[in-house]
Protein backbone atom coordinates (compact mmCIF):
# COMPACT_ATOMS: atom_id res chain seq x y z
CA MET A 1 71.91 -142.00 43.37
CA GLU A 2 74.35 -144.54 42.77
CA PHE A 3 75.38 -147.75 45.89
CA THR A 4 78.14 -149.89 45.62
CA LEU A 5 77.90 -152.98 47.17
CA SER A 6 80.51 -154.45 49.49
CA ASP A 7 82.84 -157.44 48.76
CA GLU A 8 80.92 -159.24 51.19
CA GLN A 9 77.28 -158.26 49.86
CA VAL A 10 78.10 -159.00 46.93
CA LEU A 11 79.11 -162.65 47.79
CA PHE A 12 76.00 -162.54 49.80
CA GLN A 13 74.10 -161.64 46.63
CA GLU A 14 75.43 -164.46 44.57
CA SER A 15 75.09 -167.07 47.71
CA VAL A 16 71.32 -165.88 47.90
CA GLU A 17 70.76 -166.25 44.03
CA SER A 18 72.40 -169.29 43.73
CA PHE A 19 70.54 -170.86 46.24
CA THR A 20 67.10 -169.77 44.83
CA ALA A 21 68.17 -170.95 41.49
CA LYS A 22 68.09 -174.33 42.61
CA GLN A 23 65.48 -174.43 44.80
CA TYR A 24 62.98 -172.22 43.17
CA ASP A 25 61.75 -173.48 39.78
CA ALA A 26 58.06 -172.74 38.72
CA ASP A 27 56.84 -175.88 39.60
CA LYS A 28 58.48 -176.58 42.92
CA ARG A 29 57.41 -172.85 44.03
CA ARG A 30 53.78 -174.33 42.88
CA ALA A 31 54.23 -177.14 44.98
CA LEU A 32 55.37 -175.20 47.87
CA SER A 33 52.46 -172.33 47.49
CA GLU A 34 50.17 -175.27 47.56
CA SER A 35 51.31 -177.03 50.74
CA GLU A 36 49.63 -177.09 54.14
CA ASP A 37 52.28 -173.95 55.18
CA GLY A 38 52.75 -172.41 52.01
CA PHE A 39 56.33 -172.15 52.23
CA SER A 40 58.95 -174.96 53.02
CA ARG A 41 59.99 -175.90 56.85
CA ALA A 42 63.12 -177.24 55.39
CA HIS A 43 64.38 -174.48 53.56
CA TRP A 44 63.24 -172.21 56.58
CA ALA A 45 65.75 -174.44 58.66
CA HIS A 46 68.27 -174.17 55.71
CA PHE A 47 68.11 -169.74 56.23
CA ALA A 48 68.95 -170.45 59.55
CA GLU A 49 71.89 -172.25 59.26
CA LEU A 50 73.12 -169.96 56.54
CA GLY A 51 72.51 -167.60 58.86
CA TRP A 52 70.06 -165.32 57.14
CA LEU A 53 67.48 -165.58 59.78
CA GLY A 54 70.23 -163.63 62.37
CA LEU A 55 71.18 -160.65 59.64
CA GLY A 56 69.32 -158.19 61.26
CA ILE A 57 69.49 -159.69 64.57
CA GLU A 58 71.98 -158.18 67.36
CA GLU A 59 75.64 -159.58 67.79
CA ALA A 60 74.54 -159.84 71.40
CA HIS A 61 71.76 -162.53 70.75
CA GLY A 62 73.34 -164.32 68.19
CA GLY A 63 72.79 -162.66 65.21
CA LEU A 64 74.82 -161.29 62.51
CA GLY A 65 74.11 -157.07 63.13
CA GLY A 66 73.44 -156.77 59.82
CA THR A 67 71.94 -153.54 58.08
CA ALA A 68 68.94 -152.28 55.87
CA LEU A 69 71.02 -152.48 53.23
CA ASP A 70 72.36 -156.00 53.84
CA MET A 71 68.55 -156.72 54.46
CA ALA A 72 67.45 -155.79 50.79
CA VAL A 73 70.13 -157.58 49.20
CA LEU A 74 68.51 -160.52 50.44
CA MET A 75 64.99 -159.11 49.47
CA GLU A 76 66.24 -158.64 46.36
CA GLY A 77 67.52 -161.82 45.59
CA PHE A 78 64.15 -163.13 47.20
CA GLY A 79 62.22 -161.09 44.69
CA ARG A 80 63.68 -162.64 41.65
CA ALA A 81 62.73 -166.54 42.87
CA LEU A 82 59.12 -165.34 44.42
CA VAL A 83 60.60 -167.13 47.95
CA LEU A 84 57.80 -168.09 50.09
CA GLU A 85 59.32 -168.43 53.39
CA PRO A 86 57.88 -165.83 55.69
CA TYR A 87 61.02 -163.65 56.24
CA LEU A 88 59.14 -160.77 55.69
CA SER A 89 56.33 -161.42 58.56
CA SER A 90 59.06 -163.32 60.71
CA MET A 91 61.67 -161.22 60.42
CA VAL A 92 61.78 -158.01 59.18
CA MET A 93 58.35 -157.31 61.07
CA GLY A 94 58.26 -159.42 63.67
CA GLY A 95 61.71 -159.28 64.67
CA GLY A 96 61.94 -155.68 64.04
CA ALA A 97 59.02 -155.44 66.60
CA LEU A 98 61.42 -156.95 69.08
CA GLU A 99 64.58 -155.36 68.29
CA LEU A 100 63.00 -152.12 68.61
CA ALA A 101 59.96 -152.30 71.96
CA ALA A 102 61.28 -155.80 74.29
CA SER A 103 63.23 -155.54 77.09
CA GLU A 104 66.82 -156.88 77.49
CA LYS A 105 65.47 -160.12 79.28
CA GLN A 106 62.66 -160.71 76.16
CA LYS A 107 65.60 -160.36 73.54
CA SER A 108 67.20 -162.78 75.37
CA ALA A 109 64.58 -165.24 75.63
CA LEU A 110 63.40 -164.75 71.99
CA LEU A 111 65.69 -163.46 69.56
CA PRO A 112 68.52 -166.48 69.73
CA ALA A 113 65.39 -168.77 69.16
CA LEU A 114 64.55 -166.58 66.45
CA GLY A 115 67.53 -166.52 64.51
CA GLY A 116 67.80 -170.20 64.95
CA GLY A 117 64.54 -170.80 62.87
CA ALA A 118 63.06 -172.38 66.13
CA LEU A 119 60.71 -169.43 66.53
CA LEU A 120 58.20 -167.98 63.76
CA LEU A 121 56.34 -164.71 64.50
CA ALA A 122 53.82 -162.94 62.91
CA PHE A 123 52.88 -158.97 63.30
CA ALA A 124 49.27 -158.34 63.55
CA PHE A 125 48.81 -154.33 63.05
CA ALA A 126 46.64 -153.71 60.64
CA GLU A 127 42.28 -153.44 60.86
CA PRO A 128 39.80 -154.13 58.85
CA ARG A 129 38.46 -150.31 59.00
CA ALA A 130 42.08 -148.72 58.95
CA ARG A 131 42.73 -148.25 55.53
CA TYR A 132 46.55 -147.83 56.01
CA ASP A 133 46.51 -145.76 59.21
CA LEU A 134 48.94 -147.11 61.49
CA ALA A 135 46.62 -145.13 64.39
CA LYS A 136 43.28 -146.90 63.47
CA VAL A 137 43.64 -149.37 66.36
CA ALA A 138 40.19 -150.48 67.46
CA THR A 139 41.38 -153.68 69.42
CA ILE A 140 41.26 -153.05 72.93
CA ALA A 141 43.70 -154.61 75.54
CA GLU A 142 41.66 -154.34 79.32
CA LYS A 143 43.79 -154.53 82.28
CA CYS A 144 42.59 -157.39 84.33
CA GLY A 145 44.40 -158.79 87.47
CA GLY A 146 48.30 -159.23 86.80
CA GLY A 147 47.76 -159.25 82.94
CA TYR A 148 45.28 -157.65 80.07
CA LEU A 149 42.40 -159.33 77.87
CA LEU A 150 42.64 -158.68 74.33
CA ARG A 151 39.65 -157.98 72.21
CA GLY A 152 39.39 -156.98 68.21
CA HIS A 153 40.06 -158.10 65.24
CA LYS A 154 43.29 -158.08 63.46
CA SER A 155 43.08 -157.85 59.44
CA VAL A 156 45.40 -159.37 56.82
CA VAL A 157 48.03 -160.96 59.47
CA LEU A 158 50.54 -162.29 57.03
CA HIS A 159 51.85 -165.92 57.81
CA ALA A 160 49.76 -166.09 60.99
CA ALA A 161 48.51 -169.64 60.93
CA SER A 162 52.19 -170.86 60.75
CA ALA A 163 53.45 -168.81 63.20
CA ASP A 164 54.36 -169.52 67.11
CA LYS A 165 53.71 -166.22 68.34
CA ILE A 166 51.78 -163.16 67.26
CA ILE A 167 52.60 -159.74 68.04
CA VAL A 168 49.24 -157.83 68.57
CA SER A 169 48.95 -153.86 68.55
CA ALA A 170 45.75 -153.15 70.95
CA ARG A 171 44.55 -150.19 72.40
CA THR A 172 45.20 -148.97 76.56
CA ALA A 173 43.82 -145.98 76.25
CA GLY A 174 42.44 -143.50 74.11
CA GLY A 175 40.19 -143.65 71.16
CA VAL A 176 40.25 -144.30 67.99
CA GLY A 177 42.65 -142.86 65.44
CA ASP A 178 45.08 -141.31 68.47
CA LYS A 179 48.23 -141.89 67.95
CA ALA A 180 48.78 -142.49 71.86
CA GLY A 181 47.71 -145.00 73.90
CA ILE A 182 48.96 -148.12 71.62
CA SER A 183 50.48 -151.15 73.09
CA LEU A 184 51.86 -153.89 71.57
CA PHE A 185 51.67 -157.56 73.00
CA LEU A 186 53.00 -160.77 72.29
CA LEU A 187 50.43 -163.62 72.31
CA GLU A 188 50.58 -167.25 71.78
CA ARG A 189 49.27 -168.22 68.22
CA ALA A 190 47.23 -171.08 69.68
CA ALA A 191 46.52 -169.34 73.16
CA PRO A 192 42.53 -169.24 74.24
CA GLY A 193 40.76 -166.51 72.41
CA VAL A 194 42.72 -166.32 69.62
CA ASN A 195 40.45 -167.34 66.67
CA LEU A 196 42.24 -167.79 62.96
CA GLN A 197 40.77 -167.52 59.72
CA SER A 198 43.52 -168.46 57.39
CA TYR A 199 43.27 -167.83 53.20
CA PRO A 200 45.72 -168.08 50.27
CA THR A 201 46.59 -164.68 48.64
CA VAL A 202 46.58 -163.63 45.13
CA ASP A 203 50.47 -164.27 45.03
CA GLY A 204 50.42 -167.40 46.22
CA GLY A 205 51.17 -166.31 49.92
CA ARG A 206 49.25 -167.05 53.45
CA ALA A 207 47.45 -164.94 55.31
CA ALA A 208 44.83 -164.43 58.24
CA GLU A 209 41.62 -162.53 59.75
CA VAL A 210 42.42 -163.11 63.70
CA VAL A 211 39.92 -162.35 65.77
CA LEU A 212 40.41 -161.87 69.62
CA ASP A 213 38.09 -163.15 72.13
CA GLU A 214 39.26 -162.16 75.42
CA ALA A 215 42.67 -163.83 74.66
CA VAL A 216 44.66 -163.34 78.08
CA VAL A 217 48.39 -162.12 77.98
CA THR A 218 50.39 -161.21 81.01
CA GLU A 219 52.61 -158.05 82.00
CA TYR A 220 55.68 -160.02 80.83
CA ASP A 221 53.81 -160.06 77.73
CA LEU A 222 53.99 -156.23 76.84
CA LEU A 223 56.64 -155.38 74.68
CA GLY A 224 58.60 -151.64 75.43
CA GLN A 225 56.22 -149.28 77.61
CA GLU A 226 52.26 -149.29 77.52
CA GLY A 227 50.51 -146.88 75.20
CA GLN A 228 53.78 -145.57 73.66
CA ALA A 229 54.13 -148.24 70.54
CA HIS A 230 53.24 -146.29 67.92
CA ALA A 231 56.47 -144.69 66.77
CA ILE A 232 57.75 -148.33 66.89
CA ILE A 233 54.89 -149.55 64.39
CA GLU A 234 55.65 -146.81 62.15
CA ALA A 235 59.11 -147.64 62.08
CA VAL A 236 58.56 -151.59 61.62
CA ILE A 237 56.11 -150.95 59.01
CA ASP A 238 58.65 -148.50 57.24
CA ARG A 239 61.46 -151.69 57.53
CA ALA A 240 59.00 -153.73 55.99
CA ILE A 241 58.31 -151.24 52.91
CA ILE A 242 62.01 -151.06 52.45
CA ALA A 243 61.96 -154.95 52.30
CA VAL A 244 59.55 -155.04 49.85
CA CYS A 245 60.55 -152.49 47.68
CA ALA A 246 63.64 -154.67 47.67
CA GLU A 247 61.87 -157.64 46.32
CA ALA A 248 60.05 -155.57 43.83
CA ILE A 249 63.35 -154.73 42.63
CA GLY A 250 64.34 -158.26 42.12
CA ILE A 251 61.19 -159.38 40.51
CA MET A 252 61.31 -156.66 37.96
CA GLN A 253 64.78 -157.54 36.74
CA THR A 254 63.44 -160.91 36.18
CA LEU A 255 60.69 -159.79 34.27
CA ILE A 256 62.85 -157.93 31.99
CA GLU A 257 65.31 -160.88 31.94
CA MET A 258 62.62 -162.78 30.88
CA THR A 259 61.37 -160.36 28.42
CA ARG A 260 64.95 -159.76 26.70
CA ALA A 261 65.10 -163.42 26.32
CA TYR A 262 61.47 -164.03 24.55
CA LEU A 263 62.03 -160.96 22.25
CA ASP A 264 65.39 -162.40 21.32
CA ASN A 265 63.74 -165.76 20.17
CA ARG A 266 60.72 -164.65 19.08
CA LYS A 267 60.83 -164.09 14.88
CA GLN A 268 58.57 -162.61 12.85
CA PHE A 269 58.94 -161.78 9.25
CA GLY A 270 62.38 -164.04 9.48
CA ILE A 271 63.89 -161.89 12.51
CA PRO A 272 64.11 -161.74 16.04
CA ILE A 273 61.67 -159.11 17.31
CA GLY A 274 63.86 -157.81 19.38
CA LYS A 275 65.54 -155.71 16.34
CA PHE A 276 62.23 -153.80 15.96
CA GLN A 277 63.25 -150.31 17.87
CA VAL A 278 59.65 -149.81 19.26
CA LEU A 279 60.26 -152.79 21.17
CA GLN A 280 63.63 -151.78 21.99
CA HIS A 281 62.57 -148.42 23.67
CA GLN A 282 59.62 -150.28 25.64
CA LEU A 283 62.54 -152.76 26.99
CA VAL A 284 64.48 -149.50 27.48
CA ASP A 285 61.80 -147.86 29.55
CA MET A 286 61.14 -150.93 31.55
CA TYR A 287 65.04 -150.51 32.76
CA MET A 288 64.92 -147.37 33.39
CA ALA A 289 61.66 -148.02 35.58
CA HIS A 290 64.02 -150.84 37.50
CA GLU A 291 67.13 -148.67 37.83
CA LEU A 292 65.57 -145.69 39.35
CA SER A 293 63.26 -147.94 41.73
CA LYS A 294 66.55 -149.55 42.71
CA ALA A 295 68.69 -146.39 43.40
CA LEU A 296 65.24 -144.63 45.56
CA THR A 297 64.96 -148.12 47.64
CA TYR A 298 68.64 -148.00 48.17
CA ARG A 299 68.55 -144.43 49.65
CA ALA A 300 65.82 -145.60 51.97
CA ALA A 301 67.75 -148.20 53.25
CA ALA A 302 70.21 -145.96 54.14
CA ALA A 303 68.26 -143.60 55.63
CA ILE A 304 66.39 -146.24 58.26
CA ALA A 305 69.71 -145.81 60.33
CA SER A 306 71.20 -142.80 60.06
CA ALA A 307 68.12 -139.99 59.26
CA GLU A 308 65.66 -138.80 62.09
CA SER A 309 61.70 -140.05 61.65
CA ALA A 310 60.40 -137.34 59.05
CA ALA A 311 63.79 -137.85 56.73
CA ARG A 312 63.26 -141.79 56.70
CA ALA A 313 59.50 -141.73 56.39
CA ARG A 314 59.93 -139.14 53.13
CA ALA A 315 62.66 -141.59 51.78
CA VAL A 316 60.59 -144.62 52.01
CA SER A 317 57.43 -142.91 50.94
CA ALA A 318 59.15 -141.92 47.99
CA ALA A 319 60.43 -145.34 47.09
CA LYS A 320 57.10 -146.99 47.57
CA VAL A 321 55.87 -144.46 45.35
CA GLN A 322 58.22 -145.15 42.46
CA ILE A 323 58.06 -148.94 43.08
CA GLY A 324 54.35 -148.81 42.56
CA LYS A 325 54.51 -146.81 39.52
CA ALA A 326 57.47 -149.17 38.61
CA GLY A 327 55.66 -152.35 39.04
CA SER A 328 52.80 -151.53 37.40
CA LEU A 329 54.83 -150.55 33.90
CA VAL A 330 57.16 -153.36 34.14
CA GLY A 331 54.39 -156.11 34.61
CA GLN A 332 52.56 -154.78 31.76
CA GLN A 333 54.66 -154.43 29.94
CA ALA A 334 56.56 -157.65 30.45
CA ILE A 335 53.16 -159.23 29.74
CA GLN A 336 52.12 -157.23 26.55
CA LEU A 337 55.65 -158.04 25.12
CA HIS A 338 55.15 -161.73 25.65
CA GLY A 339 51.80 -160.88 23.64
CA GLY A 340 48.99 -163.85 23.94
CA MET A 341 51.82 -166.27 25.91
CA GLY A 342 51.97 -163.60 28.48
CA MET A 343 48.49 -164.40 29.67
CA THR A 344 48.50 -168.14 30.14
CA ASP A 345 50.02 -170.39 33.06
CA GLU A 346 52.43 -171.97 30.94
CA LEU A 347 54.67 -169.35 32.02
CA PRO A 348 55.75 -167.85 35.09
CA LEU A 349 55.49 -164.25 34.07
CA GLY A 350 51.65 -163.99 35.87
CA GLN A 351 53.01 -164.79 39.12
CA TYR A 352 55.87 -162.62 39.06
CA PHE A 353 53.06 -159.77 37.83
CA LYS A 354 50.85 -160.94 40.59
CA ARG A 355 53.46 -160.29 43.60
CA LEU A 356 53.90 -157.07 42.37
CA THR A 357 50.31 -156.23 42.23
CA MET A 358 50.65 -157.07 45.81
CA ILE A 359 53.59 -155.29 46.98
CA GLU A 360 51.70 -152.45 45.58
CA THR A 361 48.92 -152.45 48.40
CA LEU A 362 50.87 -153.84 50.98
CA PHE A 363 51.66 -151.13 54.18
CA GLY A 364 49.88 -148.26 51.66
CA ASN A 365 49.43 -148.03 47.99
CA THR A 366 51.07 -145.84 45.55
CA ASP A 367 48.46 -142.63 46.36
CA HIS A 368 48.89 -143.21 50.24
CA HIS A 369 52.54 -142.73 50.11
CA ARG A 370 52.34 -140.02 47.76
CA ARG A 371 49.78 -138.42 50.28
CA ARG A 372 52.52 -139.34 53.33
CA PHE A 373 55.75 -137.54 51.07
CA ALA A 374 53.42 -134.54 50.51
CA ALA A 375 52.24 -134.07 54.17
CA LEU A 376 55.71 -134.56 55.73
CA PRO A 377 57.98 -131.61 56.38
CA GLU A 378 61.35 -131.42 53.96
CA THR A 379 64.43 -131.81 55.63
């Protein structure tokens, strides 16, 4: 299935690639990854100036009202440079949760600041024993006076330490594993009872374990209807999957370009090794895996807005399965075709492969989404 970008999207794609080409060489990225935040606040402010942070925000709240395909174009560009800024956690997940769950009053108060770069969000939905099951929420939200007391442990919360507010899923009714009874709350990161243990991830990013020890929120901090958040969380995670699939497309394209350039320059027996037919076949396999991944990701991006939930979920899981398989093939082939050089820190190849490995596990690994796809009804 082929998608053709509009003229505006092509220009947008070129502007993203122009910015990242100037700001994200391997040395600059390594320095940012080792900084306190793990990304550049100056870059984040520049993203706001360019309108990238408002891409998915409704025009009524100061955004551009972009589509999931627009977001995929941006994330593909981010993947080509391994951008470290928390667009996924703050805009796709945090902003997506606000868009789907928040009241108009909450949106008016929060979305302009989010799109302007003054507010950073994190989305705490996963727990240590959940194993990709979004209904396995053991964190408790107990009513107390005019608000709630939150107790529990949220795991691998991306960029939690640098966020101003954290959106937390907690159970207001039912038992662990029930879809009903899950609610979303907006919590100040620095509030009493919020304890963070931040750590670097294998791909150079940041995440944290968030332990809630009677953290207090008010009724105003409840996002959406009490106990009805499961479908919202599922929709947010499906959008996040599209985002990381698009990022993986950019990563794979860059790995293919790096590998092709190496094969053209590396000589053996007096000729470039790229002339050897068996190596050409391997490069073609990488290219075909990338193209199929791009087609399925764009198809899933189109399904986000136009399809009902089951069709959306099937399209998203199909894309995630393909990305998992293709990312492994492209990453491993790129390292193998570079020979011994592919295993060294001298080349940025390893950082791209690490990010692909992280993406394979984010929001459900390949096996999880294969089972999810098979369990959903055909439409």
